[in-house]
């Protein structure tokens, strides 16, 4: 599952995820587009609970997103 698919499954906007994670909406957008292929661990640790994922699941979703957009 890509990051966008996960977010949409939770019926959340990018803005809502960004607010919960304490990240900018532009960062969420870049992650969903696969533009940020190797986010910092701080970003992953903030994003995972916002998407209700474990760290490992979040990393897997990031990898899948990058592969899907390559």
Protein backbone atom coordinates (compact mmCIF):
# COMPACT_ATOMS: atom_id res chain seq x y z
CA UNK A 1 0.00 0.00 0.00
CA UNK A 2 1.36 3.41 -0.95
CA UNK A 3 1.29 6.38 1.41
CA UNK A 4 -1.53 7.98 -0.55
CA UNK A 5 -3.56 4.77 -0.53
CA UNK A 6 -3.14 4.53 3.23
CA UNK A 7 -4.10 8.16 3.79
CA UNK A 8 -7.15 7.80 1.56
CA UNK A 9 -8.15 4.56 3.31
CA UNK A 10 -8.24 6.59 6.52
CA UNK A 11 -10.28 9.29 4.69
CA UNK A 12 -7.75 11.92 5.69
CA UNK A 13 -6.50 14.94 3.78
CA UNK A 14 -2.82 15.72 3.38
CA UNK A 15 -3.43 18.72 5.61
CA UNK A 16 -4.86 16.54 8.38
CA UNK A 17 -1.93 14.12 8.24
CA UNK A 18 0.51 17.04 8.25
CA UNK A 19 -1.15 18.58 11.29
CA UNK A 20 -1.15 15.34 13.27
CA UNK A 21 2.45 14.55 12.28
CA UNK A 22 3.71 18.08 12.84
CA UNK A 23 4.98 18.25 9.27
CA UNK A 24 4.26 20.65 6.41
CA UNK A 25 1.61 19.65 3.90
CA UNK A 26 4.23 20.07 1.17
CA UNK A 27 6.31 17.32 2.82
CA UNK A 28 3.32 14.95 2.84
CA UNK A 29 2.71 15.76 -0.82
CA UNK A 30 6.37 15.16 -1.73
CA UNK A 31 6.38 11.86 0.14
CA UNK A 32 3.22 10.74 -1.68
CA UNK A 33 4.76 11.67 -5.04
CA UNK A 34 7.92 9.71 -4.20
CA UNK A 35 10.01 12.88 -4.44
CA UNK A 36 11.46 12.21 -0.99
CA UNK A 37 12.78 8.68 -1.35
CA UNK A 38 14.81 8.62 1.86
CA UNK A 39 13.07 10.69 4.55
CA UNK A 40 14.77 11.23 7.87
CA UNK A 41 13.95 8.90 10.73
CA UNK A 42 12.36 11.89 12.49
CA UNK A 43 9.96 12.28 9.56
CA UNK A 44 9.12 8.58 9.55
CA UNK A 45 8.60 8.58 13.33
CA UNK A 46 6.21 11.54 12.99
CA UNK A 47 4.37 10.16 9.95
CA UNK A 48 3.81 6.59 11.13
CA UNK A 49 1.38 7.30 14.00
CA UNK A 50 -0.43 9.93 11.91
CA UNK A 51 -1.20 7.17 9.39
CA UNK A 52 -1.73 4.60 12.15
CA UNK A 53 1.22 2.52 11.00
CA UNK A 54 4.21 1.01 12.75
CA UNK A 55 7.62 2.37 11.78
CA UNK A 56 8.25 -0.75 9.69
CA UNK A 57 4.90 -0.46 7.92
CA UNK A 58 5.55 3.20 7.22
CA UNK A 59 8.96 2.45 5.71
CA UNK A 60 7.38 -0.27 3.56
CA UNK A 61 4.71 2.19 2.37
CA UNK A 62 7.40 4.75 1.52
CA UNK A 63 9.32 2.13 -0.47
CA UNK A 64 6.17 1.05 -2.29
CA UNK A 65 5.35 4.68 -3.08
CA UNK A 66 8.81 5.30 -4.53
CA UNK A 67 8.62 2.13 -6.62
CA UNK A 68 5.14 3.01 -7.88
CA UNK A 69 6.23 6.47 -8.96
CA UNK A 70 9.55 5.45 -10.53
